[in-house]
Amino acid sequence: MTVEIRRARIADAENYAKIRLEALLVSPEAFGSVHEDVMQFPLRRFEEQIRNGCYFLAVDNDEVVGTSSYAPFTLKRRRHAGLYGMFVTPHWQGQGVASNLVNVVRAEARLAGYRELYLSVNPAMERAVAFYEREGFCDTGDREPMRRDPSISLQIMKAPMER
């Protein structure tokens, strides 16, 4: 079985919504959004996210098994590329899907002219932190509060675009 990594299309909105909701159920500590809130979003909201953003899907035989996205953000008054919404369904974890999702985001951000890719991760998620370190990310020493729970201090990591 081969998992295809591709850019999400408007027609993928329903499947993107499903994988996003699964992510929020399986790993609520990883995300700033809450499953109960996102569950209420109309389909058109997911369509708008895909239309206006840069979302990727990992697809196995028409089943979405992972997702990632990239967006520019400002840190210390400079524009950077950020990796967001990273998730791979548990059955596919440890099989290279997450690495492929990171690599496609890295490539897209590189094409847009960025030299570094940033992310924020809950440091309590040690497996995720270790994964990002294997992918070339390092701790910047910066922290930011999680949007939905400011008592959680997110670890900021960055990696060069070239690997």
N, C-alpha and C. Protein backbone atom coordinates (compact mmCIF):
# COMPACT_ATOMS: atom_id res chain seq x y z
N MET A 1 0.84 -1.19 0.00
CA MET A 1 0.00 0.00 0.00
C MET A 1 0.88 1.24 0.00
N THR A 2 0.51 2.17 -0.85
CA THR A 2 1.25 3.41 -0.95
C THR A 2 0.35 4.56 -0.56
N VAL A 3 0.83 5.39 0.33
CA VAL A 3 0.08 6.57 0.74
C VAL A 3 0.52 7.74 -0.12
N GLU A 4 -0.43 8.38 -0.74
CA GLU A 4 -0.17 9.55 -1.59
C GLU A 4 -0.32 10.81 -0.73
N ILE A 5 0.64 11.71 -0.84
CA ILE A 5 0.55 13.01 -0.19
C ILE A 5 0.21 14.01 -1.28
N ARG A 6 -0.87 14.75 -1.09
CA ARG A 6 -1.28 15.72 -2.11
C ARG A 6 -1.92 16.93 -1.47
N ARG A 7 -1.97 17.98 -2.25
CA ARG A 7 -2.62 19.21 -1.80
C ARG A 7 -4.13 18.98 -1.71
N ALA A 8 -4.74 19.46 -0.65
CA ALA A 8 -6.19 19.31 -0.49
C ALA A 8 -6.91 20.19 -1.51
N ARG A 9 -8.04 19.68 -2.00
CA ARG A 9 -8.90 20.40 -2.94
C ARG A 9 -10.24 20.68 -2.25
N ILE A 10 -10.99 21.61 -2.78
CA ILE A 10 -12.29 21.94 -2.21
C ILE A 10 -13.15 20.69 -2.07
N ALA A 11 -13.08 19.81 -3.05
CA ALA A 11 -13.87 18.56 -3.01
C ALA A 11 -13.47 17.65 -1.85
N ASP A 12 -12.32 17.92 -1.23
CA ASP A 12 -11.85 17.12 -0.10
C ASP A 12 -12.37 17.63 1.24
N ALA A 13 -13.17 18.67 1.25
CA ALA A 13 -13.56 19.32 2.50
C ALA A 13 -14.18 18.34 3.50
N GLU A 14 -15.06 17.48 3.05
CA GLU A 14 -15.70 16.54 3.98
C GLU A 14 -14.67 15.59 4.59
N ASN A 15 -13.78 15.07 3.76
CA ASN A 15 -12.75 14.16 4.28
C ASN A 15 -11.74 14.89 5.15
N TYR A 16 -11.44 16.14 4.81
CA TYR A 16 -10.56 16.93 5.66
C TYR A 16 -11.22 17.16 7.02
N ALA A 17 -12.51 17.47 7.01
CA ALA A 17 -13.23 17.66 8.27
C ALA A 17 -13.16 16.40 9.13
N LYS A 18 -13.32 15.24 8.51
CA LYS A 18 -13.27 13.98 9.26
C LYS A 18 -11.91 13.75 9.90
N ILE A 19 -10.83 13.97 9.16
CA ILE A 19 -9.50 13.73 9.73
C ILE A 19 -9.18 14.77 10.79
N ARG A 20 -9.66 15.99 10.60
CA ARG A 20 -9.44 17.04 11.61
C ARG A 20 -10.16 16.67 12.90
N LEU A 21 -11.40 16.21 12.79
CA LEU A 21 -12.15 15.81 13.98
C LEU A 21 -11.51 14.60 14.66
N GLU A 22 -11.02 13.66 13.86
CA GLU A 22 -10.32 12.51 14.44
C GLU A 22 -9.08 12.98 15.21
N ALA A 23 -8.34 13.91 14.63
CA ALA A 23 -7.15 14.44 15.30
C ALA A 23 -7.49 15.04 16.65
N LEU A 24 -8.58 15.79 16.69
CA LEU A 24 -8.98 16.45 17.94
C LEU A 24 -9.47 15.45 18.98
N LEU A 25 -10.00 14.32 18.54
CA LEU A 25 -10.41 13.26 19.47
C LEU A 25 -9.22 12.46 19.97
N VAL A 26 -8.34 12.08 19.06
CA VAL A 26 -7.21 11.21 19.39
C VAL A 26 -6.13 11.96 20.18
N SER A 27 -5.88 13.21 19.81
CA SER A 27 -4.78 13.97 20.43
C SER A 27 -5.23 15.38 20.82
N PRO A 28 -6.21 15.49 21.71
CA PRO A 28 -6.71 16.83 22.06
C PRO A 28 -5.63 17.74 22.64
N GLU A 29 -4.63 17.14 23.29
CA GLU A 29 -3.57 17.94 23.91
C GLU A 29 -2.64 18.58 22.89
N ALA A 30 -2.78 18.19 21.63
CA ALA A 30 -1.89 18.70 20.58
C ALA A 30 -2.40 19.96 19.89
N PHE A 31 -3.67 20.25 20.06
CA PHE A 31 -4.28 21.29 19.23
C PHE A 31 -4.92 22.40 20.04
N GLY A 32 -4.93 23.58 19.44
CA GLY A 32 -5.56 24.73 20.07
C GLY A 32 -7.07 24.76 19.91
N SER A 33 -7.61 23.90 19.05
CA SER A 33 -9.05 23.81 18.84
C SER A 33 -9.62 22.67 19.67
N VAL A 34 -10.92 22.72 19.89
CA VAL A 34 -11.62 21.72 20.69
C VAL A 34 -12.60 20.96 19.79
N HIS A 35 -12.62 19.64 19.91
CA HIS A 35 -13.46 18.78 19.07
C HIS A 35 -14.91 19.25 19.06
N GLU A 36 -15.47 19.52 20.23
CA GLU A 36 -16.88 19.90 20.33
C GLU A 36 -17.18 21.17 19.55
N ASP A 37 -16.24 22.10 19.53
CA ASP A 37 -16.43 23.34 18.77
C ASP A 37 -16.33 23.09 17.27
N VAL A 38 -15.28 22.38 16.86
CA VAL A 38 -15.03 22.14 15.43
C VAL A 38 -16.14 21.28 14.84
N MET A 39 -16.71 20.39 15.64
CA MET A 39 -17.81 19.53 15.19
C MET A 39 -19.01 20.36 14.71
N GLN A 40 -19.14 21.56 15.24
CA GLN A 40 -20.27 22.43 14.89
C GLN A 40 -20.03 23.23 13.60
N PHE A 41 -18.81 23.21 13.09
CA PHE A 41 -18.50 24.00 11.89
C PHE A 41 -19.28 23.45 10.70
N PRO A 42 -19.86 24.33 9.89
CA PRO A 42 -20.49 23.87 8.65
C PRO A 42 -19.41 23.46 7.65
N LEU A 43 -19.77 22.63 6.70
CA LEU A 43 -18.83 22.15 5.69
C LEU A 43 -18.17 23.31 4.95
N ARG A 44 -18.91 24.38 4.71
CA ARG A 44 -18.35 25.50 3.97
C ARG A 44 -17.15 26.13 4.70
N ARG A 45 -17.10 25.99 6.01
CA ARG A 45 -15.94 26.52 6.75
C ARG A 45 -14.67 25.74 6.39
N PHE A 46 -14.80 24.43 6.26
CA PHE A 46 -13.65 23.61 5.85
C PHE A 46 -13.29 23.91 4.39
N GLU A 47 -14.30 24.13 3.56
CA GLU A 47 -14.05 24.51 2.17
C GLU A 47 -13.26 25.81 2.10
N GLU A 48 -13.65 26.79 2.92
CA GLU A 48 -12.95 28.08 2.95
C GLU A 48 -11.52 27.91 3.44
N GLN A 49 -11.32 27.06 4.45
CA GLN A 49 -9.95 26.83 4.94
C GLN A 49 -9.08 26.28 3.81
N ILE A 50 -9.59 25.31 3.09
CA ILE A 50 -8.83 24.72 1.99
C ILE A 50 -8.60 25.75 0.88
N ARG A 51 -9.63 26.51 0.55
CA ARG A 51 -9.51 27.51 -0.51
C ARG A 51 -8.47 28.58 -0.16
N ASN A 52 -8.45 29.00 1.09
CA ASN A 52 -7.60 30.12 1.50
C ASN A 52 -6.27 29.71 2.11
N GLY A 53 -6.05 28.42 2.30
CA GLY A 53 -4.82 27.97 2.96
C GLY A 53 -4.03 27.01 2.10
N CYS A 54 -3.09 26.37 2.74
CA CYS A 54 -2.22 25.40 2.07
C CYS A 54 -2.26 24.12 2.90
N TYR A 55 -3.21 23.27 2.58
CA TYR A 55 -3.46 22.03 3.33
C TYR A 55 -3.05 20.83 2.49
N PHE A 56 -2.51 19.83 3.17
CA PHE A 56 -2.10 18.60 2.51
C PHE A 56 -2.78 17.41 3.17
N LEU A 57 -3.03 16.40 2.36
CA LEU A 57 -3.67 15.18 2.84
C LEU A 57 -2.79 13.99 2.49
N ALA A 58 -2.76 13.03 3.40
CA ALA A 58 -2.15 11.73 3.13
C ALA A 58 -3.32 10.80 2.84
N VAL A 59 -3.32 10.19 1.65
CA VAL A 59 -4.47 9.41 1.19
C VAL A 59 -4.04 7.99 0.84
N ASP A 60 -4.76 7.03 1.37
CA ASP A 60 -4.57 5.62 1.05
C ASP A 60 -5.88 5.08 0.50
N ASN A 61 -5.90 4.74 -0.78
CA ASN A 61 -7.12 4.20 -1.41
C ASN A 61 -8.36 5.03 -1.09
N ASP A 62 -8.28 6.32 -1.33
CA ASP A 62 -9.39 7.27 -1.12
C ASP A 62 -9.72 7.53 0.34
N GLU A 63 -8.95 6.98 1.28
CA GLU A 63 -9.16 7.25 2.70
C GLU A 63 -8.08 8.21 3.17
N VAL A 64 -8.49 9.33 3.78
CA VAL A 64 -7.54 10.30 4.30
C VAL A 64 -7.01 9.76 5.63
N VAL A 65 -5.67 9.60 5.69
CA VAL A 65 -5.05 9.01 6.88
C VAL A 65 -4.12 9.99 7.60
N GLY A 66 -4.00 11.20 7.06
CA GLY A 66 -3.15 12.20 7.70
C GLY A 66 -3.33 13.55 7.07
N THR A 67 -2.85 14.57 7.76
CA THR A 67 -2.97 15.94 7.26
C THR A 67 -1.88 16.82 7.86
N SER A 68 -1.57 17.86 7.14
CA SER A 68 -0.67 18.91 7.63
C SER A 68 -1.00 20.17 6.85
N SER A 69 -0.54 21.29 7.37
CA SER A 69 -0.76 22.54 6.65
C SER A 69 0.41 23.48 6.92
N TYR A 70 0.46 24.51 6.12
CA TYR A 70 1.51 25.51 6.28
C TYR A 70 0.90 26.88 6.08
N ALA A 71 1.40 27.84 6.84
CA ALA A 71 0.94 29.22 6.71
C ALA A 71 2.04 30.15 7.19
N PRO A 72 2.09 31.34 6.62
CA PRO A 72 3.04 32.33 7.13
C PRO A 72 2.55 32.88 8.47
N PHE A 73 3.48 33.30 9.31
CA PHE A 73 3.14 33.94 10.58
C PHE A 73 4.27 34.91 10.92
N THR A 74 4.03 35.75 11.91
CA THR A 74 5.02 36.73 12.33
C THR A 74 5.55 36.36 13.71
N LEU A 75 6.88 36.37 13.84
CA LEU A 75 7.54 36.12 15.12
C LEU A 75 8.67 37.13 15.23
N LYS A 76 8.66 37.87 16.30
CA LYS A 76 9.70 38.89 16.52
C LYS A 76 9.81 39.83 15.32
N ARG A 77 8.64 40.21 14.81
CA ARG A 77 8.50 41.17 13.71
C ARG A 77 9.09 40.71 12.39
N ARG A 78 9.21 39.39 12.23
CA ARG A 78 9.68 38.83 10.96
C ARG A 78 8.69 37.77 10.50
N ARG A 79 8.57 37.63 9.18
CA ARG A 79 7.67 36.63 8.59
C ARG A 79 8.38 35.28 8.52
N HIS A 80 7.66 34.25 8.92
CA HIS A 80 8.20 32.89 8.90
C HIS A 80 7.13 31.95 8.35
N ALA A 81 7.54 30.73 8.04
CA ALA A 81 6.61 29.67 7.64
C ALA A 81 6.35 28.78 8.85
N GLY A 82 5.08 28.44 9.05
CA GLY A 82 4.71 27.58 10.17
C GLY A 82 4.06 26.30 9.71
N LEU A 83 4.40 25.21 10.37
CA LEU A 83 3.77 23.90 10.16
C LEU A 83 2.64 23.78 11.17
N TYR A 84 1.45 23.48 10.68
CA TYR A 84 0.26 23.43 11.55
C TYR A 84 -0.55 22.16 11.28
N GLY A 85 -1.39 21.82 12.25
CA GLY A 85 -2.40 20.77 12.05
C GLY A 85 -1.85 19.42 11.69
N MET A 86 -0.67 19.10 12.14
CA MET A 86 -0.02 17.83 11.80
C MET A 86 -0.71 16.68 12.53
N PHE A 87 -1.14 15.68 11.75
CA PHE A 87 -1.78 14.50 12.36
C PHE A 87 -1.74 13.34 11.39
N VAL A 88 -1.46 12.17 11.94
CA VAL A 88 -1.55 10.91 11.19
C VAL A 88 -2.38 9.96 12.05
N THR A 89 -3.36 9.33 11.43
CA THR A 89 -4.23 8.41 12.16
C THR A 89 -3.36 7.30 12.80
N PRO A 90 -3.72 6.84 14.00
CA PRO A 90 -2.86 5.89 14.73
C PRO A 90 -2.40 4.68 13.92
N HIS A 91 -3.26 4.12 13.09
CA HIS A 91 -2.89 2.94 12.31
C HIS A 91 -1.69 3.19 11.41
N TRP A 92 -1.52 4.43 10.95
CA TRP A 92 -0.46 4.77 10.01
C TRP A 92 0.75 5.41 10.67
N GLN A 93 0.70 5.64 11.96
CA GLN A 93 1.85 6.25 12.64
C GLN A 93 3.04 5.29 12.61
N GLY A 94 4.22 5.85 12.51
CA GLY A 94 5.44 5.04 12.48
C GLY A 94 5.76 4.41 11.14
N GLN A 95 5.04 4.81 10.08
CA GLN A 95 5.24 4.21 8.76
C GLN A 95 5.72 5.22 7.72
N GLY A 96 6.20 6.37 8.17
CA GLY A 96 6.76 7.36 7.26
C GLY A 96 5.78 8.39 6.74
N VAL A 97 4.51 8.25 7.05
CA VAL A 97 3.50 9.20 6.55
C VAL A 97 3.75 10.59 7.11
N ALA A 98 4.03 10.68 8.40
CA ALA A 98 4.27 11.99 9.02
C ALA A 98 5.49 12.67 8.41
N SER A 99 6.56 11.91 8.18
CA SER A 99 7.75 12.48 7.54
C SER A 99 7.42 13.03 6.16
N ASN A 100 6.62 12.29 5.42
CA ASN A 100 6.23 12.75 4.08
C ASN A 100 5.38 14.01 4.15
N LEU A 101 4.51 14.11 5.14
CA LEU A 101 3.70 15.31 5.32
C LEU A 101 4.58 16.51 5.67
N VAL A 102 5.56 16.32 6.55
CA VAL A 102 6.48 17.40 6.88
C VAL A 102 7.27 17.81 5.64
N ASN A 103 7.73 16.84 4.88
CA ASN A 103 8.55 17.15 3.70
C ASN A 103 7.79 17.93 2.64
N VAL A 104 6.51 17.62 2.45
CA VAL A 104 5.74 18.37 1.45
C VAL A 104 5.50 19.80 1.92
N VAL A 105 5.28 19.99 3.21
CA VAL A 105 5.15 21.35 3.75
C VAL A 105 6.47 22.09 3.60
N ARG A 106 7.56 21.42 3.93
CA ARG A 106 8.89 22.03 3.81
C ARG A 106 9.14 22.48 2.36
N ALA A 107 8.82 21.62 1.41
CA ALA A 107 9.03 21.95 0.00
C ALA A 107 8.17 23.13 -0.44
N GLU A 108 6.92 23.15 -0.02
CA GLU A 108 6.01 24.25 -0.39
C GLU A 108 6.49 25.57 0.19
N ALA A 109 6.91 25.56 1.45
CA ALA A 109 7.40 26.78 2.09
C ALA A 109 8.71 27.24 1.45
N ARG A 110 9.56 26.31 1.07
CA ARG A 110 10.82 26.65 0.39
C ARG A 110 10.51 27.35 -0.93
N LEU A 111 9.53 26.82 -1.69
CA LEU A 111 9.15 27.46 -2.95
C LEU A 111 8.64 28.88 -2.74
N ALA A 112 8.04 29.13 -1.59
CA ALA A 112 7.53 30.47 -1.28
C ALA A 112 8.63 31.40 -0.78
N GLY A 113 9.86 30.87 -0.67
CA GLY A 113 10.98 31.72 -0.31
C GLY A 113 11.39 31.71 1.15
N TYR A 114 10.78 30.86 1.95
CA TYR A 114 11.15 30.78 3.36
C TYR A 114 12.38 29.91 3.53
N ARG A 115 13.22 30.25 4.53
CA ARG A 115 14.45 29.49 4.78
C ARG A 115 14.35 28.59 6.01
N GLU A 116 13.35 28.84 6.85
CA GLU A 116 13.16 28.03 8.05
C GLU A 116 11.68 27.72 8.22
N LEU A 117 11.42 26.58 8.83
CA LEU A 117 10.05 26.15 9.11
C LEU A 117 9.91 26.06 10.62
N TYR A 118 8.88 26.69 11.15
CA TYR A 118 8.63 26.70 12.59
C TYR A 118 7.39 25.87 12.91
N LEU A 119 7.31 25.44 14.16
CA LEU A 119 6.11 24.78 14.67
C LEU A 119 6.05 24.99 16.17
N SER A 120 4.88 24.77 16.73
CA SER A 120 4.74 24.76 18.19
C SER A 120 4.19 23.40 18.58
N VAL A 121 4.70 22.86 19.68
CA VAL A 121 4.31 21.52 20.11
C VAL A 121 4.18 21.52 21.63
N ASN A 122 3.21 20.77 22.11
CA ASN A 122 3.04 20.59 23.54
C ASN A 122 4.20 19.72 24.02
N PRO A 123 5.09 20.22 24.88
CA PRO A 123 6.25 19.44 25.29
C PRO A 123 5.89 18.17 26.06
N ALA A 124 4.66 18.08 26.55
CA ALA A 124 4.22 16.85 27.22
C ALA A 124 4.06 15.71 26.21
N MET A 125 3.98 16.04 24.94
CA MET A 125 3.85 15.03 23.88
C MET A 125 5.25 14.63 23.43
N GLU A 126 5.91 13.84 24.26
CA GLU A 126 7.32 13.50 24.05
C GLU A 126 7.56 12.79 22.73
N ARG A 127 6.64 11.94 22.32
CA ARG A 127 6.80 11.23 21.04
C ARG A 127 6.80 12.22 19.87
N ALA A 128 5.92 13.22 19.94
CA ALA A 128 5.87 14.23 18.88
C ALA A 128 7.15 15.06 18.88
N VAL A 129 7.62 15.46 20.05
CA VAL A 129 8.86 16.24 20.13
C VAL A 129 10.02 15.44 19.54
N ALA A 130 10.11 14.15 19.90
CA ALA A 130 11.19 13.29 19.37
C ALA A 130 11.08 13.15 17.85
N PHE A 131 9.86 13.02 17.34
CA PHE A 131 9.66 12.95 15.89
C PHE A 131 10.18 14.21 15.21
N TYR A 132 9.79 15.37 15.73
CA TYR A 132 10.22 16.62 15.11
C TYR A 132 11.74 16.77 15.18
N GLU A 133 12.35 16.33 16.26
CA GLU A 133 13.81 16.37 16.35
C GLU A 133 14.45 15.49 15.27
N ARG A 134 13.88 14.31 15.03
CA ARG A 134 14.39 13.44 13.97
C ARG A 134 14.23 14.10 12.60
N GLU A 135 13.22 14.95 12.47
CA GLU A 135 12.98 15.65 11.21
C GLU A 135 13.84 16.91 11.06
N GLY A 136 14.73 17.14 12.02
CA GLY A 136 15.65 18.27 11.93
C GLY A 136 15.23 19.52 12.67
N PHE A 137 14.15 19.46 13.43
CA PHE A 137 13.70 20.61 14.20
C PHE A 137 14.47 20.68 15.52
N CYS A 138 14.73 21.89 15.98
CA CYS A 138 15.37 22.07 17.28
C CYS A 138 14.58 23.10 18.08
N ASP A 139 14.70 22.99 19.38
CA ASP A 139 14.01 23.89 20.30
C ASP A 139 14.64 25.28 20.18
N THR A 140 13.81 26.29 19.98
CA THR A 140 14.31 27.67 19.88
C THR A 140 14.51 28.29 21.26
N GLY A 141 13.94 27.67 22.28
CA GLY A 141 13.96 28.25 23.61
C GLY A 141 12.76 29.15 23.87
N ASP A 142 12.02 29.48 22.81
CA ASP A 142 10.83 30.32 22.95
C ASP A 142 9.64 29.46 23.35
N ARG A 143 8.71 30.06 24.07
CA ARG A 143 7.47 29.39 24.48
C ARG A 143 6.31 30.33 24.19
N GLU A 144 5.14 29.74 23.96
CA GLU A 144 3.93 30.54 23.78
C GLU A 144 2.77 29.79 24.42
N PRO A 145 1.80 30.52 24.97
CA PRO A 145 0.66 29.83 25.58
C PRO A 145 -0.25 29.24 24.51
N MET A 146 -0.80 28.07 24.82
CA MET A 146 -1.78 27.46 23.90
C MET A 146 -3.03 28.33 23.90
N ARG A 147 -3.58 28.54 22.75
CA ARG A 147 -4.74 29.41 22.59
C ARG A 147 -5.92 28.97 23.45
N ARG A 148 -6.27 27.69 23.43
CA ARG A 148 -7.45 27.24 24.16
C ARG A 148 -7.19 27.02 25.64
N ASP A 149 -5.90 26.88 26.03
CA ASP A 149 -5.55 26.65 27.43
C ASP A 149 -4.20 27.31 27.71
N PRO A 150 -4.23 28.59 28.09
CA PRO A 150 -2.98 29.33 28.31
C PRO A 150 -2.08 28.74 29.40
N SER A 151 -2.59 27.81 30.19
CA SER A 151 -1.73 27.18 31.20
C SER A 151 -0.74 26.20 30.55
N ILE A 152 -0.99 25.83 29.29
CA ILE A 152 -0.07 24.95 28.55
C ILE A 152 0.89 25.84 27.77
N SER A 153 2.16 25.68 28.04
CA SER A 153 3.20 26.45 27.37
C SER A 153 3.78 25.63 26.23
N LEU A 154 3.52 26.07 25.01
CA LEU A 154 3.98 25.34 23.82
C LEU A 154 5.45 25.62 23.54
N GLN A 155 6.15 24.59 23.16
CA GLN A 155 7.57 24.68 22.79
C GLN A 155 7.65 25.06 21.32
N ILE A 156 8.44 26.07 21.00
CA ILE A 156 8.63 26.50 19.62
C ILE A 156 9.88 25.80 19.08
N MET A 157 9.73 25.19 17.91
CA MET A 157 10.84 24.49 17.27
C MET A 157 11.00 25.04 15.86
N LYS A 158 12.21 24.94 15.32
CA LYS A 158 12.44 25.38 13.94
C LYS A 158 13.42 24.43 13.27
N ALA A 159 13.32 24.42 11.94
CA ALA A 159 14.22 23.59 11.13
C ALA A 159 14.54 24.34 9.85
N PRO A 160 15.73 24.12 9.30
CA PRO A 160 16.04 24.70 8.00
C PRO A 160 15.20 24.02 6.92
N MET A 161 14.97 24.71 5.83
CA MET A 161 14.20 24.12 4.74
C MET A 161 14.95 22.97 4.08
N GLU A 162 16.25 23.10 3.98
CA GLU A 162 17.05 22.04 3.35
C GLU A 162 17.33 20.95 4.36
N ARG A 163 17.21 19.71 3.88
CA ARG A 163 17.53 18.56 4.75
C ARG A 163 18.37 17.59 4.01
